[in-house]
Amino acid sequence: MINIKKFVKNAIIEDNGRGDLFFDVAPKGRFTARAISKSDGIVAGIQYAKVLARTEKFDCKFLKRDGEEIKAGEVIAELEGKASVLLSSERTFLNMLQHASGIATEANKYAKLLEGYDVVLLDTRKTRPQLRDFEKYASRVGGSINHRLGLDDCLMLKDTHLRTIKDLKGFIKKARKRISWVTKIEIECETFSQVEEAMEAGADIIMCDNMTPEQIKDVVKYRDEKYPHILLEASGNINLDTIQTYAKTGVDAISSGSIIHQATWLDFSMKFD
């Protein structure tokens, strides 16, 4: 909650600048308003919007919860407070809901396609700077599970890392002595020979990057026969049209950056009564 409070406070400061010029001339008294959806989708951002309401001291009753479906024309929340406060908070309040709901809606599309498959849906670190916690929260609301939140979550060796390593097995042996005992090591592989080397070197997770479903099936078979403890992740240009094909390969997880970076904001508005 500390991070949310800081995020909300900074968002308010960003929009208000040296102060809302309407504030000192706003009509007195209390007013009521409604936040209304103009789009269909999955609502998210409520956890942040509630903190905004408490911070700016206006009443806000949400009629929806994070993760629920919303239809165009439905009321998301009822607000009450001073005109100056409601209007100075309006854009930040709506931006949070629209942005988060867009990501949650996109994640939900992927999650629904994986229903019935024994595979986990993951997002990625392809997030906007300073917005990772917020965007990954929205992704979770939509039905995905977070991959790494940062470089300190898991030691992942991507193709760029591997170009600096001459002895992979020796490197992993050294890394095991430096990182936390419970931290996993994931290695990105683009070919079957790389998979063989990474598994033999001691990887905990293999990312099958930009492989075809047929190639991944071979990797799954090899893993099942020789290294059943290793987890497999499929990644790389996986979209709504192809995700079920990858789910049928037998991998443990599928990651997609599109959940976040291709999401389109939903359209919400605030109307005063």
Protein backbone atom coordinates (compact mmCIF):
# COMPACT_ATOMS: atom_id res chain seq x y z
CA MET A 1 0.00 0.00 0.00
CA ILE A 2 2.97 2.34 0.59
CA ASN A 3 3.90 2.16 -3.11
CA ILE A 4 0.30 2.87 -4.13
CA LYS A 5 0.11 5.92 -1.89
CA LYS A 6 3.36 7.26 -3.32
CA PHE A 7 2.20 6.55 -6.87
CA VAL A 8 -1.14 8.32 -6.33
CA LYS A 9 0.49 11.32 -4.65
CA ASN A 10 2.95 11.76 -7.52
CA ALA A 11 0.13 11.44 -10.07
CA ILE A 12 -1.83 14.21 -8.32
CA ILE A 13 1.22 16.47 -8.19
CA GLU A 14 1.92 15.84 -11.88
CA ASP A 15 -1.57 16.97 -12.93
CA ASN A 16 -2.07 19.83 -10.47
CA GLY A 17 1.31 21.45 -10.97
CA ARG A 18 1.37 24.67 -8.90
CA GLY A 19 -2.35 24.27 -8.27
CA ASP A 20 -5.62 23.85 -10.16
CA LEU A 21 -6.62 27.34 -11.35
CA PHE A 22 -10.30 26.43 -10.88
CA PHE A 23 -9.76 25.64 -7.20
CA ASP A 24 -10.09 29.16 -5.74
CA VAL A 25 -13.11 30.14 -7.82
CA ALA A 26 -15.03 26.87 -7.63
CA PRO A 27 -18.67 26.97 -6.42
CA LYS A 28 -19.11 26.16 -2.73
CA GLY A 29 -21.01 23.19 -1.39
CA ARG A 30 -20.92 19.47 -2.10
CA PHE A 31 -21.66 17.88 -5.44
CA THR A 32 -22.29 14.35 -6.67
CA ALA A 33 -20.93 12.69 -9.79
CA ARG A 34 -20.71 9.29 -11.46
CA ALA A 35 -17.88 7.49 -13.23
CA ILE A 36 -19.41 5.81 -16.29
CA SER A 37 -17.94 3.24 -18.66
CA LYS A 38 -18.20 3.89 -22.38
CA SER A 39 -16.54 0.55 -23.21
CA ASP A 40 -17.02 -3.17 -22.62
CA GLY A 41 -14.26 -4.94 -20.77
CA ILE A 42 -12.76 -5.87 -17.40
CA VAL A 43 -12.53 -3.13 -14.81
CA ALA A 44 -9.29 -2.55 -12.90
CA GLY A 45 -7.57 0.30 -11.11
CA ILE A 46 -10.11 0.44 -8.29
CA GLN A 47 -7.48 -0.35 -5.67
CA TYR A 48 -5.57 2.76 -6.78
CA ALA A 49 -8.67 4.94 -7.23
CA LYS A 50 -9.77 4.24 -3.66
CA VAL A 51 -6.43 5.51 -2.39
CA LEU A 52 -6.85 8.62 -4.53
CA ALA A 53 -10.29 9.27 -3.00
CA ARG A 54 -8.93 8.93 0.54
CA THR A 55 -5.93 11.11 -0.25
CA GLU A 56 -8.02 13.90 -1.79
CA LYS A 57 -10.80 13.49 0.79
CA PHE A 58 -13.87 12.87 -1.32
CA ASP A 59 -16.43 10.09 -0.93
CA CYS A 60 -16.38 7.32 -3.50
CA LYS A 61 -18.62 4.26 -3.63
CA PHE A 62 -17.61 1.71 -6.23
CA LEU A 63 -20.36 -0.38 -7.79
CA LYS A 64 -17.84 -2.74 -9.36
CA ARG A 65 -14.82 -4.66 -8.09
CA ASP A 66 -11.46 -5.22 -9.73
CA GLY A 67 -11.75 -8.06 -12.22
CA GLU A 68 -15.49 -7.76 -12.90
CA GLU A 69 -16.95 -7.33 -16.35
CA ILE A 70 -18.22 -3.90 -17.31
CA LYS A 71 -20.53 -2.91 -20.15
CA ALA A 72 -20.78 0.42 -21.94
CA GLY A 73 -23.20 2.69 -20.09
CA GLU A 74 -22.71 1.06 -16.68
CA VAL A 75 -21.83 3.18 -13.66
CA ILE A 76 -18.52 2.21 -12.07
CA ALA A 77 -18.57 4.55 -9.10
CA GLU A 78 -20.60 7.25 -7.35
CA LEU A 79 -18.65 10.23 -6.02
CA GLU A 80 -19.46 13.08 -3.64
CA GLY A 81 -17.39 16.02 -2.48
CA LYS A 82 -16.42 19.63 -3.07
CA ALA A 83 -16.50 20.68 -6.72
CA SER A 84 -12.90 21.85 -6.50
CA VAL A 85 -11.70 18.48 -5.22
CA LEU A 86 -13.74 16.31 -7.58
CA LEU A 87 -12.72 18.30 -10.62
CA SER A 88 -9.03 18.51 -9.74
CA SER A 89 -9.03 14.72 -9.22
CA GLU A 90 -11.14 13.83 -12.26
CA ARG A 91 -8.44 13.21 -14.86
CA THR A 92 -6.08 11.30 -12.55
CA PHE A 93 -9.00 9.21 -11.25
CA LEU A 94 -10.18 8.30 -14.77
CA ASN A 95 -6.68 7.77 -16.16
CA MET A 96 -5.92 5.16 -13.51
CA LEU A 97 -9.14 3.28 -14.19
CA GLN A 98 -8.90 3.49 -17.99
CA HIS A 99 -5.25 2.46 -18.17
CA ALA A 100 -5.55 -0.44 -15.73
CA SER A 101 -8.84 -1.63 -17.22
CA GLY A 102 -7.35 -1.72 -20.71
CA ILE A 103 -4.55 -4.03 -19.55
CA ALA A 104 -6.92 -6.19 -17.49
CA THR A 105 -9.21 -6.54 -20.49
CA GLU A 106 -6.35 -7.61 -22.76
CA ALA A 107 -5.01 -10.08 -20.19
CA ASN A 108 -8.48 -11.53 -19.79
CA LYS A 109 -8.70 -12.27 -23.52
CA TYR A 110 -5.55 -14.39 -23.25
CA ALA A 111 -6.63 -16.01 -19.98
CA LYS A 112 -9.96 -17.11 -21.44
CA LEU A 113 -8.22 -18.81 -24.35
CA LEU A 114 -6.15 -20.87 -21.91
CA GLU A 115 -9.10 -22.15 -19.90
CA GLY A 116 -8.95 -25.94 -19.86
CA TYR A 117 -5.20 -26.06 -20.51
CA ASP A 118 -2.67 -26.93 -17.80
CA VAL A 119 -0.51 -23.93 -18.50
CA VAL A 120 0.20 -20.64 -16.74
CA LEU A 121 -0.23 -17.24 -18.45
CA LEU A 122 2.63 -14.83 -17.72
CA ASP A 123 3.22 -11.18 -18.49
CA THR A 124 6.70 -9.69 -19.08
CA ARG A 125 8.93 -6.76 -18.05
CA LYS A 126 7.88 -4.82 -21.16
CA THR A 127 6.22 -2.11 -19.10
CA ARG A 128 6.35 1.68 -19.17
CA PRO A 129 9.09 3.20 -16.99
CA GLN A 130 7.89 3.93 -13.44
CA LEU A 131 4.61 2.11 -14.10
CA ARG A 132 5.66 -1.52 -13.63
CA ASP A 133 3.86 -2.16 -10.33
CA PHE A 134 0.71 -0.50 -11.66
CA GLU A 135 0.68 -2.29 -15.02
CA LYS A 136 1.54 -5.68 -13.56
CA TYR A 137 -1.21 -5.24 -10.96
CA ALA A 138 -3.66 -4.62 -13.82
CA SER A 139 -2.33 -7.69 -15.62
CA ARG A 140 -3.00 -9.83 -12.54
CA VAL A 141 -6.54 -8.48 -12.27
CA GLY A 142 -7.16 -9.66 -15.83
CA GLY A 143 -6.05 -13.21 -15.11
CA SER A 144 -2.33 -13.46 -15.76
CA ILE A 145 0.48 -14.22 -13.32
CA ASN A 146 3.43 -11.88 -13.04
CA HIS A 147 6.75 -12.97 -14.48
CA ARG A 148 9.73 -11.11 -13.00
CA LEU A 149 8.92 -7.78 -11.38
CA GLY A 150 12.59 -6.85 -11.71
CA LEU A 151 16.11 -8.12 -12.23
CA ASP A 152 16.28 -9.20 -8.60
CA ASP A 153 13.46 -11.78 -8.88
CA CYS A 154 15.19 -14.44 -10.95
CA LEU A 155 18.54 -14.82 -12.68
CA MET A 156 17.53 -14.91 -16.33
CA LEU A 157 20.21 -15.43 -18.95
CA LYS A 158 19.00 -14.09 -22.28
CA ASP A 159 20.82 -14.25 -25.60
CA THR A 160 22.68 -11.03 -24.78
CA HIS A 161 23.89 -12.45 -21.46
CA LEU A 162 24.93 -15.73 -23.05
CA ARG A 163 27.21 -13.95 -25.50
CA THR A 164 29.33 -12.85 -22.53
CA ILE A 165 29.55 -16.35 -21.01
CA LYS A 166 32.11 -18.87 -22.31
CA ASP A 167 31.47 -21.69 -19.83
CA LEU A 168 27.76 -21.91 -19.05
CA LYS A 169 28.03 -24.80 -16.60
CA GLY A 170 30.84 -23.09 -14.72
CA PHE A 171 28.93 -19.82 -14.68
CA ILE A 172 25.82 -21.42 -13.19
CA LYS A 173 27.91 -23.20 -10.56
CA LYS A 174 29.40 -19.84 -9.56
CA ALA A 175 26.00 -18.13 -9.62
CA ARG A 176 24.51 -20.72 -7.24
CA LYS A 177 27.03 -19.60 -4.64
CA ARG A 178 26.13 -15.93 -5.04
CA ILE A 179 22.37 -15.76 -5.43
CA SER A 180 19.72 -16.69 -2.86
CA TRP A 181 19.28 -20.41 -2.31
CA VAL A 182 15.60 -20.16 -3.31
CA THR A 183 16.21 -18.09 -6.46
CA LYS A 184 15.69 -19.81 -9.81
CA ILE A 185 17.87 -19.58 -12.89
CA GLU A 186 16.12 -19.28 -16.25
CA ILE A 187 17.91 -19.57 -19.59
CA GLU A 188 16.59 -18.36 -22.92
CA CYS A 189 17.05 -20.83 -25.77
CA GLU A 190 16.28 -20.52 -29.46
CA THR A 191 17.50 -23.92 -30.65
CA PHE A 192 17.35 -27.51 -29.45
CA SER A 193 21.13 -27.63 -29.01
CA GLN A 194 20.94 -24.62 -26.70
CA VAL A 195 18.23 -26.40 -24.71
CA GLU A 196 20.45 -29.46 -24.28
CA GLU A 197 23.35 -27.32 -23.09
CA ALA A 198 21.22 -25.25 -20.70
CA MET A 199 19.54 -28.26 -19.13
CA GLU A 200 22.83 -30.08 -18.68
CA ALA A 201 24.34 -26.93 -17.16
CA GLY A 202 21.69 -26.87 -14.42
CA ALA A 203 18.93 -24.45 -15.42
CA ASP A 204 15.69 -24.41 -13.40
CA ILE A 205 13.59 -22.94 -16.22
CA ILE A 206 14.06 -22.98 -19.98
CA MET A 207 12.49 -20.23 -22.05
CA CYS A 208 11.73 -21.53 -25.53
CA ASP A 209 12.11 -18.22 -27.34
CA ASN A 210 10.68 -17.75 -30.83
CA MET A 211 10.43 -21.51 -31.36
CA THR A 212 7.68 -23.08 -33.43
CA PRO A 213 5.13 -25.28 -31.65
CA GLU A 214 6.73 -28.33 -33.37
CA GLN A 215 10.17 -27.41 -32.00
CA ILE A 216 8.74 -26.93 -28.52
CA LYS A 217 7.10 -30.35 -28.61
CA ASP A 218 10.55 -31.85 -29.13
CA VAL A 219 11.86 -29.87 -26.18
CA VAL A 220 8.97 -31.04 -23.99
CA LYS A 221 9.64 -34.67 -24.90
CA TYR A 222 13.34 -34.30 -24.15
CA ARG A 223 12.61 -32.56 -20.84
CA ASP A 224 10.12 -35.24 -19.78
CA GLU A 225 12.61 -38.02 -20.51
CA LYS A 226 15.77 -36.52 -19.00
CA TYR A 227 15.02 -33.48 -16.79
CA PRO A 228 11.40 -33.69 -15.54
CA HIS A 229 12.11 -31.15 -12.77
CA ILE A 230 12.84 -28.34 -15.25
CA LEU A 231 10.04 -25.90 -16.10
CA LEU A 232 9.40 -24.81 -19.68
CA GLU A 233 8.19 -21.41 -20.81
CA ALA A 234 7.15 -20.51 -24.35
CA SER A 235 7.72 -16.92 -25.40
CA GLY A 236 8.19 -14.73 -28.44
CA ASN A 237 5.52 -13.24 -30.71
CA ILE A 238 2.73 -15.28 -29.14
CA ASN A 239 -0.63 -13.64 -29.71
CA LEU A 240 -4.35 -14.31 -29.41
CA ASP A 241 -4.36 -16.25 -32.68
CA THR A 242 -1.52 -18.62 -31.74
CA ILE A 243 -1.61 -19.00 -27.97
CA GLN A 244 -3.79 -22.14 -27.93
CA THR A 245 -1.44 -23.88 -30.36
CA TYR A 246 1.41 -23.23 -27.93
CA ALA A 247 -0.70 -24.35 -24.99
CA LYS A 248 -1.06 -27.77 -26.64
CA THR A 249 2.72 -28.35 -26.75
CA GLY A 250 2.98 -29.27 -23.07
CA VAL A 251 4.88 -26.25 -21.77
CA ASP A 252 4.31 -25.12 -18.19
CA ALA A 253 3.90 -21.42 -18.97
CA ILE A 254 3.34 -19.00 -21.82
CA SER A 255 4.49 -15.39 -21.60
CA SER A 256 3.35 -12.49 -23.73
CA GLY A 257 4.39 -8.86 -23.59
CA SER A 258 1.31 -7.98 -25.64
CA ILE A 259 -0.83 -8.32 -22.52
CA ILE A 260 0.54 -4.95 -21.44
CA HIS A 261 2.19 -3.12 -24.32
CA GLN A 262 -0.56 -3.82 -26.86
CA ALA A 263 -3.45 -3.09 -24.50
CA THR A 264 -5.82 -0.26 -25.43
CA TRP A 265 -7.31 1.92 -22.73
CA LEU A 266 -11.01 1.59 -22.05
CA ASP A 267 -13.06 4.78 -22.28
CA PHE A 268 -14.57 6.12 -19.04
CA SER A 269 -16.03 9.51 -18.21
CA MET A 270 -17.21 11.45 -15.17
CA LYS A 271 -20.62 13.09 -15.19
CA PHE A 272 -21.91 15.50 -12.55
CA ASP A 273 -25.50 15.06 -11.41
